Each structure stands twice: as structure tokens, then as C-alpha cells.
Amino acid sequence: MELLFLRDEDMRQAQELLLLACRAFGNVIDPALHEYGLGHAHYRIMQTVALQPGIAVGALLDVLGITKQSMSRTLGELVAHGLLRHETTPQDRRRRCLYLSPRGAEIENRLFSLQREVLLRVYRNAGGRAVDGFRRVMRGLIDESAMPGVSTDALHPPDRSSS
């Protein structure tokens, strides 16, 4: 095992880089969000529903780590604008499952495409080993937080052995 000696300055730098990277990555979609009259909270919901179609409202709350009250308005706006729909399940009429509408899927895909281009460029510049290291660090942060409801697909690399 490789020993790694990190000072507080290294940890502060990592913290600052994460903060700035999250902001920069989010800013990539700001013009498109403005064009649609949406905000980052709308996109986080749309993105999660795109990754997990049919997700229950309670599970969405867990994944996003927010309260029902703080999500209620944003969710309502997405439904009112026809970007998101909810269905009750036959087994439990109280349970609402969420799906993107065709228009919602189109908008989410456009926003994803903008961020995808940035990731492609950055990943290619960094190289495979760096990308693997980045994923290990991000998974480690998620594991440390014990986040409920996180898609297992996000935690494990895609199987490319048959490609």
C-alpha cells in the first residue's frame, strides 16, 4: 500500500477544488436553464428521475437529501410545466412514482449533453488512470456519507468487457 502524507493545506485545497468544480460544472448549464425558466433544483430533480424512472417521491427526497417542504414547490412547478408526471402504483395508491414527460426528457437530455461535453473533454485530457482515481475518490466520499437511495449504477463502473 502506498503511503500518502497529506497536510491540512492539501485538504483545504481539495475542499476548495471540489467547491469550485461543482460551481463551474453547474454553471455550464446556466444559460440553458435560464432559457427554460428553470433552476438548478429543477435540474437535480429531473436528472434524478432520468437516472431512476419511476422513483417514488420519498426515495427522491432521500437521494437529494432534502425535506419534503423544500422539494414540494419545485416538484409542483415541474409538474405544472408538463416536464414531470407522477403516477400512483396499483399496489399502494398513496405512493407516487415520478417520470419525465417527453418534453422533460428532451430538456434533461439537452442539459446533460452540455455537461457531458465538458466531462468528455476533461476526462480525455486527464487520461484513464486519472479518471479511475477520480471515480474512486468520488465513490469514497459517497461511501463516507452513507447516502441512502444512491443508485448503485453510479457507484460501480460500467462493464465494458463485451464492447
N, C-alpha and C. Protein backbone atom coordinates (compact mmCIF):
# COMPACT_ATOMS: atom_id res chain seq x y z
N MET A 1 0.85 -1.18 0.00
CA MET A 1 0.00 0.00 0.00
C MET A 1 0.88 1.24 0.00
N GLU A 2 0.55 2.16 -0.85
CA GLU A 2 1.30 3.41 -0.97
C GLU A 2 0.95 4.34 0.19
N LEU A 3 1.97 4.86 0.87
CA LEU A 3 1.73 5.82 1.94
C LEU A 3 1.53 7.20 1.34
N LEU A 4 0.58 7.91 1.88
CA LEU A 4 0.26 9.23 1.37
C LEU A 4 0.25 10.19 2.55
N PHE A 5 1.11 11.18 2.51
CA PHE A 5 1.19 12.15 3.58
C PHE A 5 0.54 13.44 3.11
N LEU A 6 -0.57 13.80 3.74
CA LEU A 6 -1.32 14.98 3.35
C LEU A 6 -1.41 15.94 4.52
N ARG A 7 -1.12 17.18 4.23
CA ARG A 7 -1.20 18.23 5.24
C ARG A 7 -2.58 18.87 5.20
N ASP A 8 -2.86 19.69 6.19
CA ASP A 8 -4.13 20.42 6.21
C ASP A 8 -4.27 21.29 4.96
N GLU A 9 -3.16 21.84 4.48
CA GLU A 9 -3.22 22.66 3.27
C GLU A 9 -3.69 21.83 2.07
N ASP A 10 -3.26 20.56 2.01
CA ASP A 10 -3.71 19.67 0.94
C ASP A 10 -5.22 19.42 1.04
N MET A 11 -5.69 19.25 2.27
CA MET A 11 -7.12 19.01 2.47
C MET A 11 -7.94 20.25 2.15
N ARG A 12 -7.43 21.42 2.52
CA ARG A 12 -8.12 22.67 2.19
C ARG A 12 -8.17 22.87 0.68
N GLN A 13 -7.07 22.52 0.02
CA GLN A 13 -7.04 22.65 -1.44
C GLN A 13 -8.07 21.71 -2.08
N ALA A 14 -8.16 20.49 -1.59
CA ALA A 14 -9.14 19.52 -2.11
C ALA A 14 -10.56 20.05 -1.90
N GLN A 15 -10.81 20.59 -0.71
CA GLN A 15 -12.12 21.15 -0.40
C GLN A 15 -12.47 22.30 -1.34
N GLU A 16 -11.49 23.18 -1.55
CA GLU A 16 -11.71 24.33 -2.44
C GLU A 16 -11.92 23.87 -3.89
N LEU A 17 -11.13 22.90 -4.33
CA LEU A 17 -11.28 22.39 -5.69
C LEU A 17 -12.66 21.76 -5.90
N LEU A 18 -13.13 20.99 -4.93
CA LEU A 18 -14.47 20.41 -5.04
C LEU A 18 -15.53 21.49 -5.14
N LEU A 19 -15.42 22.50 -4.30
CA LEU A 19 -16.38 23.61 -4.31
C LEU A 19 -16.38 24.32 -5.66
N LEU A 20 -15.20 24.66 -6.14
CA LEU A 20 -15.10 25.39 -7.40
C LEU A 20 -15.50 24.54 -8.60
N ALA A 21 -15.15 23.25 -8.56
CA ALA A 21 -15.52 22.35 -9.65
C ALA A 21 -17.03 22.18 -9.72
N CYS A 22 -17.67 22.01 -8.57
CA CYS A 22 -19.13 21.89 -8.56
C CYS A 22 -19.79 23.14 -9.12
N ARG A 23 -19.28 24.29 -8.72
CA ARG A 23 -19.84 25.54 -9.22
C ARG A 23 -19.64 25.67 -10.72
N ALA A 24 -18.43 25.39 -11.19
CA ALA A 24 -18.13 25.51 -12.62
C ALA A 24 -18.95 24.52 -13.44
N PHE A 25 -19.08 23.29 -12.95
CA PHE A 25 -19.84 22.27 -13.66
C PHE A 25 -21.32 22.66 -13.74
N GLY A 26 -21.83 23.22 -12.67
CA GLY A 26 -23.22 23.70 -12.67
C GLY A 26 -23.42 24.89 -13.59
N ASN A 27 -22.42 25.77 -13.65
CA ASN A 27 -22.53 26.97 -14.49
C ASN A 27 -22.62 26.65 -15.97
N VAL A 28 -22.14 25.49 -16.37
CA VAL A 28 -22.17 25.09 -17.78
C VAL A 28 -23.60 25.10 -18.32
N ILE A 29 -24.55 24.76 -17.47
CA ILE A 29 -25.94 24.67 -17.93
C ILE A 29 -26.77 25.91 -17.62
N ASP A 30 -26.19 26.90 -16.95
CA ASP A 30 -26.96 28.08 -16.55
C ASP A 30 -27.70 28.77 -17.70
N PRO A 31 -27.05 29.03 -18.85
CA PRO A 31 -27.80 29.70 -19.93
C PRO A 31 -29.02 28.89 -20.40
N ALA A 32 -28.86 27.58 -20.51
CA ALA A 32 -29.99 26.74 -20.94
C ALA A 32 -31.07 26.71 -19.87
N LEU A 33 -30.68 26.61 -18.60
CA LEU A 33 -31.68 26.65 -17.53
C LEU A 33 -32.48 27.94 -17.59
N HIS A 34 -31.79 29.05 -17.78
CA HIS A 34 -32.46 30.36 -17.87
C HIS A 34 -33.43 30.38 -19.05
N GLU A 35 -32.98 29.84 -20.16
CA GLU A 35 -33.82 29.77 -21.36
C GLU A 35 -35.14 29.05 -21.09
N TYR A 36 -35.10 27.99 -20.29
CA TYR A 36 -36.29 27.21 -19.96
C TYR A 36 -37.03 27.73 -18.73
N GLY A 37 -36.47 28.73 -18.07
CA GLY A 37 -37.09 29.24 -16.86
C GLY A 37 -36.95 28.28 -15.68
N LEU A 38 -35.85 27.53 -15.68
CA LEU A 38 -35.61 26.54 -14.63
C LEU A 38 -34.39 26.92 -13.81
N GLY A 39 -34.26 26.29 -12.65
CA GLY A 39 -33.09 26.48 -11.80
C GLY A 39 -32.40 25.15 -11.56
N HIS A 40 -31.33 25.22 -10.81
CA HIS A 40 -30.56 24.01 -10.52
C HIS A 40 -31.37 22.99 -9.74
N ALA A 41 -32.27 23.44 -8.87
CA ALA A 41 -33.10 22.50 -8.11
C ALA A 41 -34.01 21.71 -9.06
N HIS A 42 -34.55 22.39 -10.07
CA HIS A 42 -35.37 21.70 -11.07
C HIS A 42 -34.54 20.63 -11.78
N TYR A 43 -33.33 21.01 -12.16
CA TYR A 43 -32.49 20.07 -12.90
C TYR A 43 -32.09 18.87 -12.05
N ARG A 44 -31.78 19.10 -10.77
CA ARG A 44 -31.42 17.98 -9.90
C ARG A 44 -32.55 16.96 -9.82
N ILE A 45 -33.78 17.44 -9.74
CA ILE A 45 -34.93 16.53 -9.71
C ILE A 45 -35.05 15.82 -11.05
N MET A 46 -34.99 16.58 -12.15
CA MET A 46 -35.11 15.97 -13.49
C MET A 46 -34.01 14.95 -13.73
N GLN A 47 -32.80 15.28 -13.32
CA GLN A 47 -31.65 14.40 -13.51
C GLN A 47 -31.85 13.09 -12.73
N THR A 48 -32.30 13.19 -11.51
CA THR A 48 -32.51 12.00 -10.69
C THR A 48 -33.63 11.13 -11.27
N VAL A 49 -34.71 11.76 -11.72
CA VAL A 49 -35.80 11.00 -12.32
C VAL A 49 -35.35 10.36 -13.64
N ALA A 50 -34.50 11.05 -14.40
CA ALA A 50 -33.98 10.48 -15.64
C ALA A 50 -33.12 9.25 -15.34
N LEU A 51 -32.35 9.30 -14.28
CA LEU A 51 -31.50 8.17 -13.90
C LEU A 51 -32.29 7.01 -13.29
N GLN A 52 -33.41 7.34 -12.65
CA GLN A 52 -34.22 6.32 -11.97
C GLN A 52 -35.70 6.55 -12.28
N PRO A 53 -36.12 6.28 -13.52
CA PRO A 53 -37.54 6.48 -13.87
C PRO A 53 -38.44 5.67 -12.94
N GLY A 54 -39.53 6.29 -12.52
CA GLY A 54 -40.45 5.60 -11.62
C GLY A 54 -40.07 5.72 -10.16
N ILE A 55 -39.08 6.55 -9.87
CA ILE A 55 -38.65 6.72 -8.48
C ILE A 55 -39.81 7.30 -7.66
N ALA A 56 -39.98 6.78 -6.46
CA ALA A 56 -41.01 7.28 -5.57
C ALA A 56 -40.56 8.62 -4.99
N VAL A 57 -41.54 9.45 -4.66
CA VAL A 57 -41.23 10.78 -4.12
C VAL A 57 -40.36 10.65 -2.86
N GLY A 58 -40.67 9.71 -1.99
CA GLY A 58 -39.88 9.52 -0.77
C GLY A 58 -38.44 9.16 -1.07
N ALA A 59 -38.24 8.30 -2.06
CA ALA A 59 -36.87 7.91 -2.45
C ALA A 59 -36.14 9.09 -3.07
N LEU A 60 -36.85 9.92 -3.81
CA LEU A 60 -36.24 11.12 -4.40
C LEU A 60 -35.75 12.05 -3.29
N LEU A 61 -36.57 12.20 -2.27
CA LEU A 61 -36.17 13.02 -1.12
C LEU A 61 -34.88 12.48 -0.50
N ASP A 62 -34.79 11.16 -0.36
CA ASP A 62 -33.60 10.55 0.22
C ASP A 62 -32.37 10.78 -0.65
N VAL A 63 -32.52 10.58 -1.96
CA VAL A 63 -31.38 10.74 -2.87
C VAL A 63 -30.88 12.18 -2.84
N LEU A 64 -31.80 13.13 -2.88
CA LEU A 64 -31.41 14.54 -2.92
C LEU A 64 -31.03 15.08 -1.54
N GLY A 65 -31.44 14.36 -0.49
CA GLY A 65 -31.10 14.80 0.86
C GLY A 65 -31.77 16.10 1.26
N ILE A 66 -33.02 16.27 0.82
CA ILE A 66 -33.75 17.49 1.15
C ILE A 66 -35.06 17.13 1.83
N THR A 67 -35.73 18.13 2.39
CA THR A 67 -37.01 17.90 3.05
C THR A 67 -38.14 17.96 2.03
N LYS A 68 -39.25 17.39 2.43
CA LYS A 68 -40.44 17.40 1.57
C LYS A 68 -40.88 18.83 1.28
N GLN A 69 -40.81 19.66 2.29
CA GLN A 69 -41.22 21.05 2.15
C GLN A 69 -40.37 21.79 1.12
N SER A 70 -39.06 21.58 1.15
CA SER A 70 -38.19 22.30 0.21
C SER A 70 -38.32 21.76 -1.21
N MET A 71 -38.74 20.50 -1.37
CA MET A 71 -38.89 19.95 -2.71
C MET A 71 -40.27 20.21 -3.30
N SER A 72 -41.25 20.41 -2.46
CA SER A 72 -42.64 20.48 -2.88
C SER A 72 -42.88 21.53 -3.98
N ARG A 73 -42.40 22.73 -3.78
CA ARG A 73 -42.64 23.81 -4.75
C ARG A 73 -41.99 23.48 -6.09
N THR A 74 -40.74 23.05 -6.06
CA THR A 74 -40.01 22.77 -7.29
C THR A 74 -40.65 21.61 -8.04
N LEU A 75 -41.02 20.59 -7.33
CA LEU A 75 -41.69 19.44 -7.94
C LEU A 75 -43.01 19.87 -8.57
N GLY A 76 -43.76 20.69 -7.86
CA GLY A 76 -45.03 21.21 -8.36
C GLY A 76 -44.86 22.02 -9.64
N GLU A 77 -43.80 22.81 -9.69
CA GLU A 77 -43.54 23.61 -10.90
C GLU A 77 -43.22 22.71 -12.09
N LEU A 78 -42.45 21.67 -11.87
CA LEU A 78 -42.11 20.74 -12.96
C LEU A 78 -43.35 20.04 -13.49
N VAL A 79 -44.25 19.65 -12.59
CA VAL A 79 -45.50 19.01 -13.00
C VAL A 79 -46.38 20.03 -13.74
N ALA A 80 -46.49 21.24 -13.19
CA ALA A 80 -47.33 22.28 -13.81
C ALA A 80 -46.84 22.65 -15.21
N HIS A 81 -45.54 22.62 -15.43
CA HIS A 81 -44.98 22.95 -16.75
C HIS A 81 -44.96 21.74 -17.69
N GLY A 82 -45.48 20.62 -17.23
CA GLY A 82 -45.57 19.43 -18.07
C GLY A 82 -44.25 18.75 -18.33
N LEU A 83 -43.28 18.95 -17.44
CA LEU A 83 -41.96 18.33 -17.61
C LEU A 83 -41.84 17.03 -16.83
N LEU A 84 -42.71 16.86 -15.88
CA LEU A 84 -42.67 15.71 -14.99
C LEU A 84 -44.10 15.26 -14.75
N ARG A 85 -44.28 13.96 -14.63
CA ARG A 85 -45.61 13.44 -14.29
C ARG A 85 -45.45 12.44 -13.15
N HIS A 86 -46.51 12.28 -12.39
CA HIS A 86 -46.48 11.29 -11.33
C HIS A 86 -47.66 10.35 -11.49
N GLU A 87 -47.42 9.11 -11.16
CA GLU A 87 -48.44 8.07 -11.22
C GLU A 87 -48.48 7.37 -9.88
N THR A 88 -49.67 6.97 -9.51
CA THR A 88 -49.79 6.16 -8.30
C THR A 88 -49.63 4.70 -8.70
N THR A 89 -49.16 3.91 -7.77
CA THR A 89 -48.97 2.48 -8.06
C THR A 89 -50.25 1.73 -7.70
N PRO A 90 -50.58 0.69 -8.46
CA PRO A 90 -51.78 -0.09 -8.14
C PRO A 90 -51.70 -0.74 -6.76
N GLN A 91 -50.50 -1.09 -6.32
CA GLN A 91 -50.33 -1.74 -5.02
C GLN A 91 -50.60 -0.78 -3.85
N ASP A 92 -50.25 0.48 -4.04
CA ASP A 92 -50.40 1.47 -2.97
C ASP A 92 -50.74 2.81 -3.60
N ARG A 93 -52.00 3.18 -3.55
CA ARG A 93 -52.48 4.40 -4.21
C ARG A 93 -51.86 5.66 -3.59
N ARG A 94 -51.26 5.55 -2.41
CA ARG A 94 -50.63 6.71 -1.78
C ARG A 94 -49.24 6.96 -2.32
N ARG A 95 -48.65 5.96 -2.92
CA ARG A 95 -47.27 6.07 -3.42
C ARG A 95 -47.26 6.69 -4.81
N ARG A 96 -46.53 7.81 -4.94
CA ARG A 96 -46.43 8.48 -6.23
C ARG A 96 -45.05 8.23 -6.84
N CYS A 97 -45.06 7.72 -8.06
CA CYS A 97 -43.82 7.47 -8.79
C CYS A 97 -43.67 8.54 -9.87
N LEU A 98 -42.44 8.98 -10.06
CA LEU A 98 -42.18 10.11 -10.95
C LEU A 98 -41.53 9.67 -12.26
N TYR A 99 -41.93 10.35 -13.33
CA TYR A 99 -41.41 10.10 -14.67
C TYR A 99 -41.26 11.43 -15.38
N LEU A 100 -40.26 11.53 -16.24
CA LEU A 100 -40.15 12.71 -17.10
C LEU A 100 -41.15 12.58 -18.23
N SER A 101 -41.76 13.69 -18.60
CA SER A 101 -42.60 13.71 -19.80
C SER A 101 -41.67 13.71 -21.01
N PRO A 102 -42.18 13.51 -22.21
CA PRO A 102 -41.30 13.60 -23.38
C PRO A 102 -40.56 14.94 -23.45
N ARG A 103 -41.24 16.03 -23.16
CA ARG A 103 -40.59 17.36 -23.17
C ARG A 103 -39.57 17.46 -22.05
N GLY A 104 -39.90 16.93 -20.88
CA GLY A 104 -38.96 16.93 -19.76
C GLY A 104 -37.71 16.13 -20.09
N ALA A 105 -37.90 14.98 -20.74
CA ALA A 105 -36.76 14.14 -21.13
C ALA A 105 -35.90 14.87 -22.16
N GLU A 106 -36.53 15.58 -23.06
CA GLU A 106 -35.78 16.35 -24.08
C GLU A 106 -34.92 17.43 -23.43
N ILE A 107 -35.51 18.16 -22.49
CA ILE A 107 -34.77 19.23 -21.80
C ILE A 107 -33.65 18.64 -20.94
N GLU A 108 -33.95 17.60 -20.19
CA GLU A 108 -32.94 16.97 -19.34
C GLU A 108 -31.78 16.46 -20.19
N ASN A 109 -32.10 15.87 -21.32
CA ASN A 109 -31.06 15.35 -22.20
C ASN A 109 -30.19 16.47 -22.77
N ARG A 110 -30.79 17.59 -23.10
CA ARG A 110 -30.00 18.73 -23.59
C ARG A 110 -29.05 19.23 -22.51
N LEU A 111 -29.56 19.36 -21.29
CA LEU A 111 -28.73 19.82 -20.18
C LEU A 111 -27.60 18.83 -19.90
N PHE A 112 -27.94 17.53 -19.91
CA PHE A 112 -26.93 16.50 -19.72
C PHE A 112 -25.87 16.59 -20.82
N SER A 113 -26.29 16.80 -22.05
CA SER A 113 -25.35 16.88 -23.17
C SER A 113 -24.34 18.01 -23.00
N LEU A 114 -24.79 19.13 -22.45
CA LEU A 114 -23.87 20.25 -22.21
C LEU A 114 -22.80 19.85 -21.19
N GLN A 115 -23.22 19.19 -20.12
CA GLN A 115 -22.26 18.77 -19.11
C GLN A 115 -21.43 17.58 -19.59
N ARG A 116 -22.03 16.74 -20.39
CA ARG A 116 -21.32 15.59 -20.95
C ARG A 116 -20.12 16.04 -21.77
N GLU A 117 -20.29 17.09 -22.57
CA GLU A 117 -19.18 17.59 -23.38
C GLU A 117 -18.01 18.05 -22.53
N VAL A 118 -18.31 18.69 -21.42
CA VAL A 118 -17.25 19.12 -20.50
C VAL A 118 -16.55 17.90 -19.92
N LEU A 119 -17.33 16.92 -19.44
CA LEU A 119 -16.72 15.72 -18.86
C LEU A 119 -15.86 14.98 -19.89
N LEU A 120 -16.35 14.84 -21.11
CA LEU A 120 -15.57 14.17 -22.15
C LEU A 120 -14.22 14.86 -22.36
N ARG A 121 -14.26 16.17 -22.48
CA ARG A 121 -13.04 16.93 -22.71
C ARG A 121 -12.06 16.79 -21.54
N VAL A 122 -12.58 16.93 -20.34
CA VAL A 122 -11.74 16.86 -19.14
C VAL A 122 -11.21 15.44 -18.93
N TYR A 123 -12.06 14.44 -19.10
CA TYR A 123 -11.62 13.05 -18.96
C TYR A 123 -10.53 12.72 -19.98
N ARG A 124 -10.73 13.13 -21.21
CA ARG A 124 -9.72 12.84 -22.25
C ARG A 124 -8.39 13.51 -21.93
N ASN A 125 -8.44 14.73 -21.44
CA ASN A 125 -7.21 15.44 -21.09
C ASN A 125 -6.52 14.82 -19.88
N ALA A 126 -7.29 14.30 -18.95
CA ALA A 126 -6.73 13.73 -17.72
C ALA A 126 -6.17 12.33 -17.94
N GLY A 127 -6.79 11.56 -18.81
CA GLY A 127 -6.34 10.19 -19.05
C GLY A 127 -7.04 9.17 -18.17
N GLY A 128 -6.95 7.91 -18.58
CA GLY A 128 -7.68 6.83 -17.93
C GLY A 128 -7.36 6.62 -16.47
N ARG A 129 -6.08 6.70 -16.10
CA ARG A 129 -5.71 6.48 -14.70
C ARG A 129 -6.27 7.58 -13.81
N ALA A 130 -6.23 8.80 -14.30
CA ALA A 130 -6.76 9.92 -13.52
C ALA A 130 -8.28 9.79 -13.36
N VAL A 131 -8.95 9.37 -14.43
CA VAL A 131 -10.41 9.19 -14.37
C VAL A 131 -10.75 8.10 -13.36
N ASP A 132 -10.01 7.01 -13.38
CA ASP A 132 -10.23 5.93 -12.43
C ASP A 132 -10.01 6.43 -11.00
N GLY A 133 -8.96 7.19 -10.79
CA GLY A 133 -8.68 7.76 -9.47
C GLY A 133 -9.78 8.71 -9.02
N PHE A 134 -10.25 9.54 -9.95
CA PHE A 134 -11.34 10.47 -9.65
C PHE A 134 -12.58 9.69 -9.20
N ARG A 135 -12.92 8.64 -9.92
CA ARG A 135 -14.10 7.84 -9.56
C ARG A 135 -13.93 7.20 -8.19
N ARG A 136 -12.73 6.71 -7.89
CA ARG A 136 -12.50 6.11 -6.58
C ARG A 136 -12.68 7.14 -5.48
N VAL A 137 -12.17 8.35 -5.70
CA VAL A 137 -12.31 9.41 -4.69
C VAL A 137 -13.78 9.77 -4.52
N MET A 138 -14.51 9.93 -5.62
CA MET A 138 -15.92 10.31 -5.52
C MET A 138 -16.73 9.22 -4.84
N ARG A 139 -16.49 7.95 -5.19
CA ARG A 139 -17.19 6.84 -4.52
C ARG A 139 -16.84 6.80 -3.04
N GLY A 140 -15.58 7.08 -2.72
CA GLY A 140 -15.18 7.12 -1.31
C GLY A 140 -15.91 8.19 -0.54
N LEU A 141 -16.09 9.36 -1.15
CA LEU A 141 -16.84 10.43 -0.50
C LEU A 141 -18.29 10.02 -0.28
N ILE A 142 -18.87 9.34 -1.27
CA ILE A 142 -20.26 8.88 -1.14
C ILE A 142 -20.36 7.82 -0.05
N ASP A 143 -19.44 6.86 -0.06
CA ASP A 143 -19.44 5.81 0.97
C ASP A 143 -19.32 6.42 2.37
N GLU A 144 -18.45 7.41 2.51
CA GLU A 144 -18.24 8.05 3.81
C GLU A 144 -19.51 8.75 4.30
N SER A 145 -20.32 9.23 3.34
CA SER A 145 -21.52 9.97 3.74
C SER A 145 -22.69 9.05 4.03
N ALA A 146 -22.57 7.77 3.65
CA ALA A 146 -23.64 6.78 3.85
C ALA A 146 -24.95 7.30 3.28
N MET A 147 -24.91 7.76 2.03
CA MET A 147 -26.09 8.33 1.39
C MET A 147 -27.12 7.26 1.09
N PRO A 148 -28.34 7.42 1.60
CA PRO A 148 -29.39 6.47 1.25
C PRO A 148 -29.91 6.76 -0.15
N GLY A 149 -30.34 5.75 -0.84
CA GLY A 149 -31.01 5.93 -2.11
C GLY A 149 -30.13 6.21 -3.29
N VAL A 150 -28.82 6.17 -3.13
CA VAL A 150 -27.93 6.43 -4.26
C VAL A 150 -27.96 5.23 -5.19
N SER A 151 -28.11 5.50 -6.48
CA SER A 151 -28.15 4.44 -7.47
C SER A 151 -26.86 3.65 -7.45
N THR A 152 -26.96 2.35 -7.41
CA THR A 152 -25.75 1.53 -7.42
C THR A 152 -25.03 1.64 -8.75
N ASP A 153 -25.73 2.01 -9.81
CA ASP A 153 -25.09 2.21 -11.10
C ASP A 153 -24.04 3.32 -11.02
N ALA A 154 -24.30 4.31 -10.20
CA ALA A 154 -23.36 5.42 -10.07
C ALA A 154 -22.12 5.00 -9.29
N LEU A 155 -22.24 3.97 -8.47
CA LEU A 155 -21.13 3.57 -7.62
C LEU A 155 -20.17 2.60 -8.29
N HIS A 156 -20.60 1.95 -9.34
CA HIS A 156 -19.78 0.94 -9.98
C HIS A 156 -19.55 1.29 -11.44
N PRO A 157 -18.34 1.11 -11.92
CA PRO A 157 -18.07 1.45 -13.32
C PRO A 157 -18.86 0.54 -14.25
N PRO A 158 -19.24 1.08 -15.41
CA PRO A 158 -19.95 0.24 -16.38
C PRO A 158 -19.08 -0.90 -16.86
N ASP A 159 -19.69 -2.04 -17.15
CA ASP A 159 -18.96 -3.20 -17.67
C ASP A 159 -18.74 -3.02 -19.16
N ARG A 160 -17.50 -2.86 -19.54
CA ARG A 160 -17.18 -2.65 -20.95
C ARG A 160 -16.46 -3.86 -21.54
N SER A 161 -16.51 -4.99 -20.83
CA SER A 161 -15.77 -6.16 -21.29
C SER A 161 -16.32 -6.73 -22.60
N SER A 162 -17.60 -6.54 -22.87
CA SER A 162 -18.19 -7.07 -24.10
C SER A 162 -18.13 -6.07 -25.24
N SER A 163 -17.63 -4.87 -24.97
CA SER A 163 -17.56 -3.84 -26.01
C SER A 163 -16.36 -4.00 -26.90
